[in-house]
Amino acid sequence: MSEEGFIPTGQGRVWYRIVGDRGGGAIPLLVVHGGPGLPSDYLEPLAELAALPEGRPVVFYDQLGCGRSDRPSPGPWVTEYFVGELGTVRRALGLDRVHLYGHSSGSQIAVDYALMRPEGVASYVLANPPLSIPRWLDDLARFRAALPAEVRQVLDRCEAAGTTAGDEYSRATRVFYDRHFCRLSPWPQPLERAMEGYSDEVYRAMWGASEFCMTGILKDYDRAARLGEIAAPVLFLCGRFDEATPETTAWYRSLVPGAEMAVIEDGSHTPHLEQPAATLAAVRDFLERVESGLAGA
């Protein structure tokens, strides 16, 4: 069972899809994708949570500017807009009681939404989260230093010359992505489909010219000092080879009383694609324990 349509936001229409039966007893899971500007297709394996026996509705949407949603240009490419957009989606779909799953930069949206103390959010799954950009960049520098010398030379040369949009730079960054973003070869179809709907405009405005050239508005994002304000159960999730390293993710967990953490072995930044069974098991177990009152106990 699936439903899809569009939600007006005042800035443009946002596409959504609901997988599963909303008439069951399980609380829906609302999925907030990352990128920024990478539409929800790549999170498709989470739809398996809608299968019986629990039959949990799973709600996807493409943030404004990417995928099947409208693409105003220039657009409102600031975190505050996307946090408000999340609230708009919830209200439009009548998601009075909901779990939130924020992946990568989507976890930033979920956290900023959580800090507004919204009613009816049963829990937060903060997956592969860049919640302190200073810490993220430190980890990224270590990963970059571990790349082959010839790859680092290409990165350095192209960044100095301002040619990061070229094929040579793209091939060099792909070496990094194949280690720490998605370790499957070839990349799975949901990820390739998401790349087709990707918005470079949104990515550049919010992140920068590339993963290594962070010049967008998120460059100063750091919510570490406020994570303890989240007033609902939290599961932090990451892959063993993740850009969001297990060490940094464990630090986030330590800042949230009662929070839990799952590290997906043999996974990186997209463990739901690389190791779907293990990822879904961790998420399913957490959500079920939240609903039975046992999470964090």
Protein backbone atom coordinates (compact mmCIF):
# COMPACT_ATOMS: atom_id res chain seq x y z
CA MET A 1 0.00 0.00 0.00
CA SER A 2 1.42 3.38 -1.01
CA GLU A 3 0.18 6.95 -1.20
CA GLU A 4 1.95 9.91 -2.75
CA GLY A 5 1.28 13.52 -3.57
CA PHE A 6 2.43 17.09 -3.06
CA ILE A 7 2.32 19.46 -0.10
CA PRO A 8 2.36 23.26 -0.63
CA THR A 9 4.88 25.06 1.55
CA GLY A 10 4.60 28.68 0.45
CA GLN A 11 7.95 28.35 -1.34
CA GLY A 12 6.88 25.50 -3.62
CA ARG A 13 5.41 22.01 -3.61
CA VAL A 14 7.08 19.20 -1.66
CA TRP A 15 6.58 15.62 -2.86
CA TYR A 16 5.80 12.89 -0.35
CA ARG A 17 5.17 9.14 -0.30
CA ILE A 18 3.66 7.01 2.47
CA VAL A 19 4.42 3.30 2.41
CA GLY A 20 2.24 1.00 4.51
CA ASP A 21 -1.14 1.03 6.20
CA ARG A 22 -1.80 4.04 8.42
CA GLY A 23 -4.65 2.15 10.08
CA GLY A 24 -2.39 -0.13 12.13
CA GLY A 25 -1.16 0.40 15.65
CA ALA A 26 2.49 1.25 14.97
CA ILE A 27 3.60 4.87 15.11
CA PRO A 28 4.67 6.17 11.66
CA LEU A 29 8.34 6.79 10.86
CA LEU A 30 8.98 10.12 9.10
CA VAL A 31 12.26 10.07 7.16
CA VAL A 32 14.33 13.24 6.68
CA HIS A 33 16.93 12.80 3.93
CA GLY A 34 20.36 14.35 3.74
CA GLY A 35 22.64 15.62 1.01
CA PRO A 36 22.00 18.43 1.36
CA GLY A 37 19.92 18.19 -1.81
CA LEU A 38 20.01 14.39 -2.24
CA PRO A 39 16.40 13.22 -2.53
CA SER A 40 14.87 10.43 -0.50
CA ASP A 41 15.27 7.59 -3.05
CA TYR A 42 18.53 6.39 -1.47
CA LEU A 43 16.72 5.73 1.83
CA GLU A 44 14.29 3.35 0.13
CA PRO A 45 15.33 0.26 2.19
CA LEU A 46 13.66 1.85 5.23
CA ALA A 47 10.33 1.12 3.53
CA GLU A 48 10.81 -2.48 4.68
CA LEU A 49 9.75 -1.30 8.14
CA ALA A 50 6.24 -1.02 6.70
CA ALA A 51 6.09 -4.79 6.15
CA LEU A 52 4.12 -7.02 8.48
CA PRO A 53 3.99 -8.00 11.31
CA GLU A 54 4.36 -4.47 12.71
CA GLY A 55 3.22 -2.77 9.51
CA ARG A 56 4.72 0.57 10.47
CA PRO A 57 3.86 3.40 8.00
CA VAL A 58 7.06 4.93 6.60
CA VAL A 59 6.83 8.46 5.25
CA PHE A 60 9.36 9.84 2.77
CA TYR A 61 9.53 13.32 1.27
CA ASP A 62 11.88 15.19 -1.02
CA GLN A 63 12.95 18.49 0.45
CA LEU A 64 12.27 21.55 -1.68
CA GLY A 65 14.83 21.98 -4.44
CA CYS A 66 15.53 18.34 -5.23
CA GLY A 67 13.99 15.12 -6.48
CA ARG A 68 10.32 15.37 -7.38
CA SER A 69 9.72 18.54 -5.37
CA ASP A 70 9.65 22.01 -6.90
CA ARG A 71 12.97 23.73 -7.58
CA PRO A 72 12.70 27.48 -7.05
CA SER A 73 15.86 29.37 -7.94
CA PRO A 74 17.04 31.13 -5.94
CA GLY A 75 15.52 29.14 -3.14
CA PRO A 76 15.30 29.33 0.66
CA TRP A 77 18.42 27.24 1.20
CA VAL A 78 18.82 27.77 4.95
CA THR A 79 18.39 25.34 7.82
CA GLU A 80 15.51 27.34 9.28
CA TYR A 81 13.46 26.79 6.14
CA PHE A 82 14.02 23.02 6.15
CA VAL A 83 13.13 22.77 9.84
CA GLY A 84 9.90 24.63 9.13
CA GLU A 85 9.30 22.42 6.09
CA LEU A 86 9.50 19.34 8.33
CA GLY A 87 6.77 20.79 10.53
CA THR A 88 4.67 21.61 7.47
CA VAL A 89 4.94 18.02 6.22
CA ARG A 90 3.91 16.66 9.63
CA ARG A 91 0.86 18.91 9.85
CA ALA A 92 -0.24 18.33 6.25
CA LEU A 93 -0.11 14.54 6.67
CA GLY A 94 -1.70 14.51 10.10
CA LEU A 95 1.30 12.88 11.76
CA ASP A 96 0.29 13.78 15.30
CA ARG A 97 2.40 10.96 16.75
CA VAL A 98 5.58 10.11 14.90
CA HIS A 99 9.15 8.81 15.06
CA LEU A 100 11.74 10.91 13.19
CA TYR A 101 14.64 9.38 11.24
CA GLY A 102 17.19 11.98 10.13
CA HIS A 103 20.04 10.81 7.92
CA SER A 104 23.31 12.77 7.56
CA SER A 105 22.44 16.47 7.13
CA GLY A 106 18.84 15.38 7.70
CA SER A 107 19.88 14.65 11.29
CA GLN A 108 20.74 18.34 11.62
CA ILE A 109 17.20 19.22 10.56
CA ALA A 110 15.82 16.66 13.00
CA VAL A 111 17.94 17.99 15.88
CA ASP A 112 17.00 21.62 15.26
CA TYR A 113 13.37 20.53 15.10
CA ALA A 114 13.79 18.60 18.36
CA LEU A 115 15.22 21.69 20.06
CA MET A 116 11.88 23.41 19.41
CA ARG A 117 10.30 20.80 21.74
CA PRO A 118 7.60 19.68 19.28
CA GLU A 119 4.73 17.65 20.68
CA GLY A 120 4.06 14.11 19.55
CA VAL A 121 7.58 13.01 18.56
CA ALA A 122 8.02 9.58 20.13
CA SER A 123 11.74 9.24 19.31
CA TYR A 124 14.61 10.35 17.11
CA VAL A 125 16.92 8.14 15.07
CA LEU A 126 19.96 10.29 14.24
CA ALA A 127 21.71 8.30 11.54
CA ASN A 128 25.26 9.03 10.36
CA PRO A 129 25.05 12.48 11.96
CA PRO A 130 27.27 15.55 11.35
CA LEU A 131 26.11 17.38 14.47
CA SER A 132 29.38 19.18 15.17
CA ILE A 133 31.00 20.40 11.96
CA PRO A 134 34.34 21.24 13.66
CA ARG A 135 34.54 17.61 14.81
CA TRP A 136 33.34 16.38 11.39
CA LEU A 137 36.07 18.34 9.61
CA ASP A 138 38.73 16.97 11.94
CA ASP A 139 37.61 13.43 11.11
CA LEU A 140 37.44 14.29 7.41
CA ALA A 141 41.03 15.56 7.48
CA ARG A 142 42.20 12.23 8.90
CA PHE A 143 40.36 10.29 6.20
CA ARG A 144 41.78 12.56 3.52
CA ALA A 145 45.32 12.08 4.84
CA ALA A 146 44.83 8.30 4.51
CA LEU A 147 43.94 8.48 0.81
CA PRO A 148 46.59 7.43 -1.75
CA ALA A 149 49.17 10.15 -2.40
CA GLU A 150 48.17 10.51 -6.05
CA VAL A 151 44.55 11.08 -5.05
CA ARG A 152 45.51 13.73 -2.51
CA GLN A 153 47.62 15.47 -5.13
CA VAL A 154 44.65 15.72 -7.49
CA LEU A 155 42.44 17.07 -4.71
CA ASP A 156 45.05 19.67 -3.72
CA ARG A 157 45.74 20.74 -7.29
CA CYS A 158 42.09 21.08 -8.32
CA GLU A 159 41.12 22.93 -5.16
CA ALA A 160 43.99 25.37 -5.61
CA ALA A 161 43.03 25.93 -9.25
CA GLY A 162 39.30 26.18 -8.58
CA THR A 163 38.52 23.25 -10.88
CA THR A 164 36.51 21.16 -8.42
CA ALA A 165 33.66 20.84 -10.94
CA GLY A 166 35.83 18.84 -13.36
CA ASP A 167 35.97 15.11 -14.03
CA GLU A 168 39.46 14.70 -12.57
CA TYR A 169 38.36 16.04 -9.20
CA SER A 170 35.18 13.97 -9.34
CA ARG A 171 37.20 10.77 -9.89
CA ALA A 172 39.45 11.64 -6.95
CA THR A 173 36.57 12.32 -4.58
CA ARG A 174 34.95 9.07 -5.67
CA VAL A 175 37.90 7.21 -4.09
CA PHE A 176 36.90 8.79 -0.78
CA TYR A 177 33.18 8.10 -1.32
CA ASP A 178 33.86 4.44 -2.11
CA ARG A 179 35.59 4.10 1.25
CA HIS A 180 33.38 6.19 3.52
CA PHE A 181 30.06 6.99 1.79
CA CYS A 182 28.97 3.76 0.08
CA ARG A 183 31.27 0.76 -0.12
CA LEU A 184 29.13 -1.18 -2.63
CA SER A 185 30.31 -1.49 -6.23
CA PRO A 186 28.44 -0.59 -8.30
CA TRP A 187 26.37 1.79 -6.23
CA PRO A 188 22.85 0.39 -5.74
CA GLN A 189 19.98 1.59 -7.87
CA PRO A 190 18.23 3.68 -5.16
CA LEU A 191 21.42 5.69 -4.67
CA GLU A 192 21.98 6.14 -8.41
CA ARG A 193 18.35 7.25 -8.76
CA ALA A 194 18.84 9.76 -5.95
CA MET A 195 21.95 11.12 -7.69
CA GLU A 196 19.83 11.77 -10.78
CA GLY A 197 17.52 13.96 -8.69
CA TYR A 198 20.32 15.65 -6.74
CA SER A 199 20.47 19.45 -6.53
CA ASP A 200 23.92 20.98 -6.87
CA GLU A 201 22.42 24.39 -6.08
CA VAL A 202 21.16 23.26 -2.68
CA TYR A 203 24.38 21.39 -1.92
CA ARG A 204 26.62 24.34 -2.77
CA ALA A 205 24.53 26.82 -0.80
CA MET A 206 24.40 24.68 2.30
CA TRP A 207 27.62 22.61 2.17
CA GLY A 208 30.03 23.88 -0.49
CA ALA A 209 31.81 23.00 -3.71
CA SER A 210 32.63 19.48 -2.53
CA GLU A 211 32.82 17.29 0.56
CA PHE A 212 36.27 18.76 1.25
CA CYS A 213 35.44 22.40 0.46
CA MET A 214 32.92 23.43 3.07
CA THR A 215 31.89 27.02 2.39
CA GLY A 216 28.09 26.81 2.75
CA ILE A 217 25.91 27.96 5.60
CA LEU A 218 26.37 24.70 7.50
CA LYS A 219 30.10 25.30 7.94
CA ASP A 220 29.51 26.66 11.45
CA TYR A 221 26.84 24.17 12.47
CA ASP A 222 27.48 22.74 15.94
CA ARG A 223 24.73 21.52 18.26
CA ALA A 224 26.90 19.40 20.58
CA ALA A 225 26.31 21.73 23.51
CA ARG A 226 22.51 21.44 23.12
CA LEU A 227 22.01 17.74 22.42
CA GLY A 228 21.09 17.12 26.05
CA GLU A 229 17.96 19.23 25.53
CA ILE A 230 16.32 16.61 23.31
CA ALA A 231 13.27 15.46 25.25
CA ALA A 232 12.62 12.03 23.69
CA PRO A 233 14.48 8.74 23.31
CA VAL A 234 17.37 8.93 20.84
CA LEU A 235 19.17 6.27 18.83
CA PHE A 236 22.47 7.29 17.23
CA LEU A 237 23.44 5.11 14.30
CA CYS A 238 26.61 4.97 12.20
CA GLY A 239 28.72 2.61 10.11
CA ARG A 240 32.11 1.25 11.10
CA PHE A 241 33.79 3.12 8.20
CA ASP A 242 31.48 6.14 8.34
CA GLU A 243 32.36 9.78 7.75
CA ALA A 244 30.38 10.16 10.97
CA THR A 245 32.92 8.05 12.84
CA PRO A 246 31.92 5.67 15.64
CA GLU A 247 34.14 7.67 18.00
CA THR A 248 32.44 10.98 17.24
CA THR A 249 28.99 9.39 17.24
CA ALA A 250 29.72 7.88 20.65
CA TRP A 251 30.64 11.37 21.86
CA TYR A 252 27.24 12.66 20.69
CA ARG A 253 25.60 9.79 22.51
CA SER A 254 27.41 10.69 25.73
CA LEU A 255 25.82 14.14 25.60
CA VAL A 256 22.23 12.85 25.57
CA PRO A 257 21.06 11.19 28.81
CA GLY A 258 19.68 7.72 28.11
CA ALA A 259 20.57 7.77 24.42
CA GLU A 260 21.48 4.56 22.61
CA MET A 261 23.88 3.80 19.78
CA ALA A 262 24.27 1.18 17.09
CA VAL A 263 27.39 0.71 14.94
CA ILE A 264 26.74 -1.20 11.73
CA GLU A 265 29.72 -3.40 10.92
CA ASP A 266 30.96 -3.35 7.31
CA GLY A 267 28.93 -0.18 6.75
CA SER A 268 29.91 3.40 6.05
CA HIS A 269 27.73 6.51 5.58
CA THR A 270 24.88 4.54 3.96
CA PRO A 271 24.63 1.35 6.04
CA HIS A 272 20.95 1.03 5.20
CA LEU A 273 22.14 0.25 1.64
CA GLU A 274 25.28 -1.72 2.50
CA GLN A 275 23.93 -3.73 5.43
CA PRO A 276 20.14 -3.33 5.30
CA ALA A 277 19.28 -6.29 7.50
CA ALA A 278 21.50 -5.16 10.38
CA THR A 279 20.43 -1.53 10.04
CA LEU A 280 16.73 -2.32 9.93
CA ALA A 281 17.06 -4.70 12.87
CA ALA A 282 18.67 -1.98 14.99
CA VAL A 283 16.04 0.59 14.05
CA ARG A 284 13.12 -1.83 14.42
CA ASP A 285 14.29 -2.97 17.86
CA PHE A 286 14.66 0.62 19.07
CA LEU A 287 11.26 1.77 17.78
CA GLU A 288 9.50 -1.24 19.28
CA ARG A 289 11.14 -0.67 22.66
CA VAL A 290 10.19 3.02 22.56
CA GLU A 291 6.58 2.05 22.00
CA SER A 292 6.69 -0.49 24.81
CA GLY A 293 8.36 2.01 27.16
CA LEU A 294 11.64 0.08 27.41
CA ALA A 295 14.03 2.25 25.36
CA GLY A 296 16.85 3.68 27.43
CA ALA A 297 15.91 1.51 30.38
